[in-house]
Protein backbone atom coordinates (compact mmCIF):
# COMPACT_ATOMS: atom_id res chain seq x y z
CA MET A 1 -16.43 -18.23 -10.12
CA ASN A 2 -13.57 -16.24 -11.68
CA LEU A 3 -11.64 -13.49 -9.90
CA PHE A 4 -13.48 -10.79 -11.80
CA SER A 5 -16.96 -11.91 -10.78
CA ARG A 6 -18.68 -10.53 -7.74
CA LYS A 7 -19.86 -12.84 -5.01
CA PRO A 8 -23.65 -12.85 -4.56
CA VAL A 9 -23.72 -10.55 -1.53
CA LYS A 10 -26.39 -8.02 -0.67
CA PRO A 11 -25.43 -4.65 -2.17
CA PRO A 12 -25.05 -1.67 0.18
CA PRO A 13 -27.71 1.04 0.05
CA GLU A 14 -27.34 3.69 -2.61
CA ASN A 15 -25.48 6.81 -1.55
CA GLY A 16 -27.06 10.21 -1.67
CA GLY A 17 -25.62 13.55 -2.71
CA GLY A 18 -23.71 12.23 -5.71
CA ARG A 19 -21.33 10.12 -3.62
CA LYS A 20 -19.53 7.30 -5.36
CA ARG A 21 -17.93 4.08 -4.16
CA ILE A 22 -14.33 3.16 -4.73
CA ASN A 23 -11.69 0.62 -3.75
CA LEU A 24 -8.20 1.68 -2.65
CA ALA A 25 -4.88 -0.04 -3.36
CA LEU A 26 -2.00 1.41 -1.33
CA GLN A 27 1.57 0.70 -2.37
CA GLY A 28 4.49 0.46 0.03
CA GLY A 29 7.40 2.85 -0.32
CA GLY A 30 9.10 3.68 2.95
CA ALA A 31 8.72 7.18 4.35
CA HIS A 32 7.11 8.18 1.05
CA GLY A 33 3.99 6.53 2.51
CA ALA A 34 3.29 9.96 4.00
CA PHE A 35 2.22 10.93 0.46
CA THR A 36 -0.50 8.27 0.77
CA TRP A 37 -1.47 9.79 4.12
CA GLY A 38 -2.13 13.06 2.27
CA VAL A 39 -4.20 11.33 -0.42
CA LEU A 40 -6.30 9.59 2.22
CA ASP A 41 -6.63 12.75 4.32
CA HIS A 42 -8.13 14.70 1.42
CA LEU A 43 -10.33 11.79 0.35
CA LEU A 44 -11.81 11.63 3.84
CA GLU A 45 -12.16 15.43 4.01
CA ASP A 46 -13.75 15.74 0.56
CA GLY A 47 -16.55 13.33 1.46
CA ARG A 48 -17.72 12.44 -2.06
CA LEU A 49 -16.16 8.96 -2.12
CA ASP A 50 -17.15 6.00 0.01
CA ILE A 51 -14.48 3.34 0.49
CA GLU A 52 -15.66 -0.24 -0.02
CA GLY A 53 -12.32 -2.04 0.10
CA ILE A 54 -8.66 -1.38 0.86
CA SER A 55 -5.56 -3.37 0.04
CA GLY A 56 -2.02 -2.54 1.12
CA ALA A 57 1.52 -3.80 1.37
CA SER A 58 4.41 -2.85 3.66
CA ALA A 59 4.10 0.85 4.60
CA GLY A 60 0.91 0.83 2.52
CA ALA A 61 -0.43 -1.86 4.85
CA VAL A 62 0.26 0.42 7.82
CA ASN A 63 -1.70 3.24 6.17
CA ALA A 64 -4.47 0.76 5.33
CA ILE A 65 -4.75 -0.51 8.89
CA MET A 66 -4.82 3.03 10.34
CA LEU A 67 -7.51 4.03 7.85
CA ALA A 68 -9.58 0.93 8.57
CA ASP A 69 -9.22 1.42 12.32
CA GLY A 70 -10.50 5.00 12.16
CA LEU A 71 -13.41 4.14 9.86
CA ALA A 72 -14.40 1.21 12.08
CA ARG A 73 -14.28 3.23 15.27
CA GLY A 74 -15.73 6.57 14.28
CA GLY A 75 -15.90 7.26 10.56
CA PRO A 76 -13.92 9.69 8.37
CA LYS A 77 -13.02 12.22 11.08
CA GLU A 78 -11.63 9.49 13.32
CA ALA A 79 -9.75 7.98 10.39
CA GLN A 80 -8.12 11.35 9.70
CA LYS A 81 -7.13 11.57 13.36
CA ARG A 82 -5.69 8.05 13.50
CA LEU A 83 -3.59 8.61 10.39
CA GLY A 84 -2.36 11.97 11.65
CA ASP A 85 -1.53 10.63 15.11
CA PHE A 86 0.43 7.73 13.66
CA TRP A 87 2.54 9.82 11.29
CA ARG A 88 3.24 12.36 14.02
CA ALA A 89 4.36 9.58 16.37
CA ALA A 90 6.41 7.95 13.62
CA SER A 91 8.29 11.14 12.86
CA LEU A 92 11.71 11.98 14.24
CA GLY A 93 10.12 14.42 16.66
CA GLY A 94 7.42 11.97 17.80
CA ASP A 95 7.02 10.63 21.33
CA LEU A 96 8.08 7.04 20.65
CA PRO A 97 10.39 5.20 23.03
CA ASP A 98 13.86 4.59 21.61
CA LEU A 99 13.24 0.96 20.60
CA GLN A 100 10.02 1.82 18.78
CA ARG A 101 11.78 4.74 17.08
CA ARG A 102 14.40 2.37 15.68
CA ALA A 103 11.71 -0.05 14.48
CA VAL A 104 9.77 2.68 12.69
CA ASP A 105 12.93 4.12 11.14
CA ARG A 106 13.63 0.68 9.69
CA LEU A 107 10.07 0.31 8.41
CA PHE A 108 10.61 3.50 6.43
CA SER A 109 13.71 2.30 4.59
CA PHE A 110 14.68 -0.37 2.10
CA MET A 111 18.45 -0.10 2.49
CA PRO A 112 20.46 2.33 4.63
CA LEU A 113 22.68 4.65 2.63
CA GLU A 114 26.31 3.67 2.52
CA ASP A 115 27.72 7.02 3.59
CA THR A 116 25.61 7.40 6.74
CA PRO A 117 26.68 6.07 10.16
CA ILE A 118 23.78 3.60 10.22
CA GLY A 119 24.61 2.55 6.67
CA ILE A 120 28.26 1.87 7.51
CA TRP A 121 27.21 -0.09 10.61
CA PHE A 122 24.57 -2.03 8.68
CA ASN A 123 26.86 -2.96 5.79
CA ALA A 124 29.56 -4.19 8.14
CA LEU A 125 27.16 -6.11 10.37
CA SER A 126 25.11 -7.69 7.58
CA ARG A 127 28.20 -9.39 6.15
CA TYR A 128 28.49 -11.51 9.27
CA LEU A 129 25.16 -11.43 11.12
CA SER A 130 21.48 -11.86 10.28
CA PRO A 131 18.49 -10.59 12.29
CA TYR A 132 18.49 -14.03 13.94
CA ASP A 133 22.00 -13.39 15.28
CA VAL A 134 21.52 -9.85 16.55
CA ASN A 135 18.00 -10.38 17.96
CA PRO A 136 17.82 -13.91 19.43
CA LEU A 137 14.74 -13.06 21.53
CA ASN A 138 12.89 -11.83 18.43
CA ILE A 139 11.89 -8.51 19.99
CA ASN A 140 9.92 -6.36 17.55
CA PRO A 141 8.98 -2.98 19.07
CA LEU A 142 6.92 -2.18 15.97
CA LYS A 143 4.31 -4.63 17.23
CA ASP A 144 3.81 -2.56 20.38
CA LEU A 145 3.42 0.55 18.25
CA ILE A 146 0.81 -1.02 15.96
CA GLU A 147 -1.13 -2.40 18.93
CA ARG A 148 -0.98 1.01 20.61
CA PHE A 149 -2.80 2.65 17.69
CA VAL A 150 -5.09 -0.07 16.35
CA ASP A 151 -8.20 -1.75 17.76
CA PHE A 152 -8.08 -5.01 15.82
CA GLU A 153 -11.32 -6.29 17.30
CA ALA A 154 -13.14 -3.22 15.95
CA ILE A 155 -11.63 -3.83 12.51
CA ARG A 156 -12.56 -7.54 12.50
CA ASN A 157 -16.15 -6.65 13.43
CA CYS A 158 -16.56 -3.92 10.79
CA ASP A 159 -18.30 -5.80 7.99
CA LYS A 160 -18.98 -2.62 6.00
CA LEU A 161 -15.35 -2.49 4.89
CA GLN A 162 -13.17 -5.04 3.09
CA LEU A 163 -9.47 -5.03 4.03
CA PHE A 164 -6.61 -7.02 2.51
CA ILE A 165 -2.94 -7.00 3.45
CA SER A 166 -0.23 -8.89 1.58
CA ALA A 167 2.79 -10.85 2.81
CA THR A 168 5.31 -13.17 1.14
CA ASN A 169 5.52 -16.80 2.27
CA VAL A 170 9.26 -17.33 2.74
CA GLU A 171 9.14 -21.08 2.09
CA THR A 172 6.98 -21.08 -1.05
CA GLY A 173 7.65 -17.57 -2.38
CA ARG A 174 3.90 -17.19 -2.88
CA LEU A 175 1.57 -14.35 -1.99
CA ARG A 176 -0.51 -14.61 1.17
CA VAL A 177 -3.39 -12.18 1.53
CA PHE A 178 -4.78 -11.59 5.01
CA HIS A 179 -8.44 -10.54 5.28
CA ARG A 180 -10.18 -8.12 7.63
CA ALA A 181 -12.06 -10.84 9.55
CA GLU A 182 -8.77 -12.46 10.64
CA MET A 183 -6.60 -9.35 10.99
CA THR A 184 -3.98 -9.17 13.77
CA ALA A 185 -0.91 -7.07 14.50
CA ASP A 186 1.32 -9.95 13.36
CA MET A 187 -0.21 -9.76 9.88
CA VAL A 188 0.68 -6.08 9.58
CA LEU A 189 4.19 -6.84 10.84
CA ALA A 190 4.51 -9.64 8.28
CA SER A 191 3.54 -7.28 5.47
CA ALA A 192 6.25 -4.83 6.59
CA CYS A 193 8.96 -7.37 7.40
CA LEU A 194 12.17 -6.47 5.54
CA PRO A 195 14.24 -9.67 5.73
CA LEU A 196 17.65 -8.07 6.30
CA LEU A 197 16.29 -6.01 9.19
CA PHE A 198 13.65 -8.15 10.91
CA ARG A 199 13.20 -11.82 11.59
CA ALA A 200 10.45 -13.48 9.55
CA VAL A 201 7.02 -13.22 11.17
CA GLU A 202 5.47 -16.62 11.82
CA ILE A 203 1.73 -17.03 11.29
CA ASP A 204 0.02 -20.42 11.41
CA GLY A 205 3.44 -22.07 11.42
CA ALA A 206 4.64 -20.35 8.21
CA PRO A 207 7.30 -17.60 7.99
CA TYR A 208 6.49 -14.36 6.16
CA TRP A 209 8.44 -11.44 4.74
CA ASP A 210 7.43 -8.08 3.26
CA GLY A 211 4.35 -8.26 1.05
CA GLY A 212 5.86 -5.85 -1.45
CA TYR A 213 7.88 -8.60 -3.08
CA VAL A 214 4.84 -10.42 -4.52
CA GLY A 215 1.86 -8.09 -3.99
CA ASN A 216 2.60 -4.35 -3.84
CA PRO A 217 -0.30 -3.94 -3.41
CA PRO A 218 -2.52 -6.92 -4.32
CA LEU A 219 -5.44 -5.96 -6.54
CA TYR A 220 -7.40 -9.14 -7.27
CA PRO A 221 -8.75 -9.70 -3.70
CA LEU A 222 -10.76 -6.48 -4.02
CA PHE A 223 -12.86 -7.53 -7.00
CA ALA A 224 -15.04 -10.40 -5.78
CA PRO A 225 -16.31 -9.11 -2.40
CA THR A 226 -17.06 -5.50 -3.44
CA HIS A 227 -19.64 -3.96 -5.76
CA THR A 228 -17.70 -1.01 -7.13
CA GLU A 229 -15.75 -1.51 -10.35
CA ASP A 230 -13.53 1.50 -9.67
CA LEU A 231 -10.06 1.10 -8.17
CA LEU A 232 -7.88 4.00 -7.05
CA LEU A 233 -4.21 3.01 -6.94
CA VAL A 234 -1.85 5.15 -4.87
CA GLN A 235 1.53 4.40 -6.42
CA ILE A 236 4.73 5.49 -4.70
CA ASN A 237 7.49 3.54 -6.47
CA PRO A 238 8.18 5.04 -9.91
CA VAL A 239 7.65 2.76 -12.89
CA VAL A 240 9.92 4.84 -15.11
CA ARG A 241 13.13 6.57 -14.05
CA ARG A 242 15.03 8.08 -16.96
CA GLY A 243 18.75 7.53 -17.27
CA THR A 244 21.00 4.60 -16.45
CA PRO A 245 21.92 4.17 -12.76
CA LYS A 246 25.70 4.00 -12.41
CA THR A 247 26.65 4.19 -8.74
CA LYS A 248 26.14 1.25 -6.39
CA ASP A 249 23.41 3.06 -4.46
CA GLU A 250 21.61 4.12 -7.64
CA ILE A 251 21.69 0.56 -8.98
CA ILE A 252 20.39 -0.94 -5.71
CA ALA A 253 17.65 1.70 -5.53
CA ARG A 254 16.51 1.03 -9.10
CA ILE A 255 16.54 -2.74 -8.55
CA ASN A 256 14.31 -2.22 -5.51
CA GLU A 257 11.91 -0.04 -7.50
CA ILE A 258 11.62 -2.60 -10.30
CA THR A 259 11.26 -5.52 -7.86
CA PHE A 260 8.62 -3.80 -5.76
CA ASN A 261 6.61 -2.85 -8.87
CA SER A 262 6.77 -6.19 -10.71
CA SER A 263 3.72 -7.87 -9.16
CA LEU A 264 1.61 -4.73 -9.58
CA MET A 265 2.58 -4.44 -13.24
CA ALA A 266 1.62 -8.08 -13.82
CA GLU A 267 -1.85 -7.54 -12.32
CA LEU A 268 -2.37 -4.33 -14.31
CA HIS A 269 -1.41 -6.16 -17.49
CA GLY A 270 -4.02 -8.80 -16.64
CA LEU A 271 -6.68 -6.16 -16.08
CA ALA A 272 -5.82 -4.49 -19.38
CA PHE A 273 -6.01 -7.82 -21.23
CA VAL A 274 -9.40 -8.73 -19.75
CA GLY A 275 -10.68 -5.22 -20.49
CA HIS A 276 -9.65 -5.50 -24.14
CA LEU A 277 -11.35 -8.90 -24.46
CA ILE A 278 -14.57 -7.47 -22.99
CA ASP A 279 -14.44 -4.46 -25.32
CA ASP A 280 -13.87 -6.75 -28.31
CA GLY A 281 -16.86 -8.90 -27.35
CA LYS A 282 -14.71 -11.95 -26.66
CA LEU A 283 -15.63 -12.11 -22.96
CA PRO A 284 -19.13 -11.55 -21.53
CA ARG A 285 -19.40 -8.63 -19.12
CA GLY A 286 -21.41 -9.13 -15.94
CA THR A 287 -21.36 -10.54 -12.42
CA GLY A 288 -22.74 -14.01 -12.98
CA PRO A 289 -20.99 -17.34 -13.60
CA GLY A 290 -18.64 -17.16 -16.58
CA GLN A 291 -18.93 -13.38 -16.75
CA TYR A 292 -16.26 -10.76 -16.16
CA ARG A 293 -16.23 -7.31 -14.62
CA ARG A 294 -14.51 -4.42 -16.35
CA ILE A 295 -12.43 -2.66 -13.72
CA ASN A 296 -11.91 1.10 -14.01
CA ILE A 297 -8.38 1.96 -12.91
CA HIS A 298 -7.44 5.37 -11.52
CA ARG A 299 -3.92 6.31 -10.36
CA ILE A 300 -2.45 8.86 -7.99
CA VAL A 301 1.33 8.85 -8.42
CA LEU A 302 4.05 10.42 -6.32
CA ASP A 303 6.04 12.67 -8.63
CA SER A 304 9.55 11.25 -8.29
CA SER A 305 11.13 13.49 -10.91
CA GLY A 306 12.56 15.82 -8.30
CA LYS A 307 15.62 15.04 -6.20
CA GLU A 308 13.63 15.57 -3.00
CA PHE A 309 11.78 12.30 -3.66
CA ASP A 310 14.65 9.98 -4.48
CA SER A 311 15.59 6.66 -2.85
CA SER A 312 17.45 8.30 0.02
CA SER A 313 14.39 10.26 1.11
CA LYS A 314 12.57 7.00 1.85
CA MET A 315 14.56 7.07 5.11
CA ASN A 316 13.69 10.66 6.02
CA THR A 317 11.50 10.60 9.13
CA ASP A 318 11.52 14.33 9.80
CA PHE A 319 7.95 15.52 10.39
CA ASP A 320 8.43 18.54 8.11
CA PHE A 321 9.24 16.08 5.31
CA PHE A 322 6.14 14.04 6.18
CA GLU A 323 4.08 17.21 6.07
CA MET A 324 5.49 18.14 2.67
CA LEU A 325 4.55 14.69 1.35
CA ARG A 326 1.12 14.92 2.95
CA THR A 327 0.52 18.29 1.27
CA SER A 328 1.68 16.83 -2.04
CA GLY A 329 -0.72 13.90 -1.62
CA LYS A 330 -3.66 16.17 -0.78
CA ARG A 331 -2.98 18.31 -3.84
CA ALA A 332 -2.61 15.25 -6.07
CA LEU A 333 -6.02 13.89 -5.08
CA ARG A 334 -7.62 17.31 -5.33
CA ARG A 335 -6.34 17.65 -8.90
CA PHE A 336 -7.53 14.14 -9.70
CA LEU A 337 -11.05 14.78 -8.38
CA ASP A 338 -11.28 18.14 -10.19
CA ALA A 339 -10.37 16.46 -13.46
CA HIS A 340 -11.92 13.01 -13.15
CA TYR A 341 -14.67 12.80 -10.53
CA ASP A 342 -17.31 12.46 -13.26
CA ASP A 343 -15.30 9.60 -14.80
CA ILE A 344 -15.53 7.44 -11.67
CA GLY A 345 -18.06 4.72 -12.33
CA VAL A 346 -17.82 5.34 -16.08
CA ARG A 347 -14.32 4.68 -17.39
CA SER A 348 -10.65 4.27 -16.47
CA THR A 349 -8.58 7.43 -16.19
CA ALA A 350 -5.22 5.62 -16.02
CA ASP A 351 -3.39 3.87 -18.83
CA ILE A 352 -3.54 0.29 -17.57
CA ASP A 353 -1.53 -0.81 -20.59
CA MET A 354 1.49 0.86 -18.98
CA GLY A 355 4.52 -1.31 -19.32
CA LEU A 356 3.15 -3.10 -22.39
CA ASN A 357 4.30 0.01 -24.23
CA PRO A 358 6.82 1.73 -21.91
CA GLU A 359 6.90 4.93 -23.94
CA ARG A 360 3.24 5.53 -23.03
CA VAL A 361 3.81 5.41 -19.24
């Protein structure tokens, strides 16, 4: 069976009131993940979309696990509460103990800025020491935070929702996708493990780093176990940034954006190619053996054209900044639904050829 076929599972009952089913793919992007919080908050509030599957990487994996936890325990209202409680706690004004605060601050950054005290300390220390030198006991306060908010047993037992979180196998460089039925706190930590800041997370004897390197987020796991052919991608890292970066920080930031988008672009190119073959009659469309599904891609993108959403703001853990991003995310989804709700289940609303012709992005 190919990746675009659906497994022969019993379909869920039809929804009433014009509700439609959708899969979610949540990209990582530091503190900008609060934009995804806003998208999810409005999706849950709007009530016209049912979520069949979720995939996430890094900070996107944290949003995914909070969303799944709330849906498993109490439905949309509880999911809104879990997401809100987490982002409030993760903010600078939250009630986290000092060690957990440091862990969350690091989750919401790719590289400290050079001209900040933490950046100066980090640059000096990283030349001589690794996380294995400065943390010989392998203490990760983020694990306590995740376990404080998430009931993993409830998630594992919730068979109405598919959940996938990505991590990078350090030894092989290959993608590892963790599924809902096996989900643990360590798998979320692995997906958010930045190698210069945290020690690799060991699972089943293998070390793992941040999932964003090879699956940010992974798309293909969503296709086989779900019935919907509609995928909503919440994209935080900009594909295009006009102008040539010239300073060291600008160059590092742009390298990170390109690196953390590369796997996603490859999967989107694959989807576009399969879609063209189906449209041209060169591949049979369907769900049986040897048949392919035509995936409808929809995108919600953080507008990174303004200076307030540049690489440095990925480290901003002020709750007012989170709230601004949340509001931006809510508005973005509201605009999308106003323009494209009728298109869900019918056609793609995003250009999934993006990158094949960069001028069309």
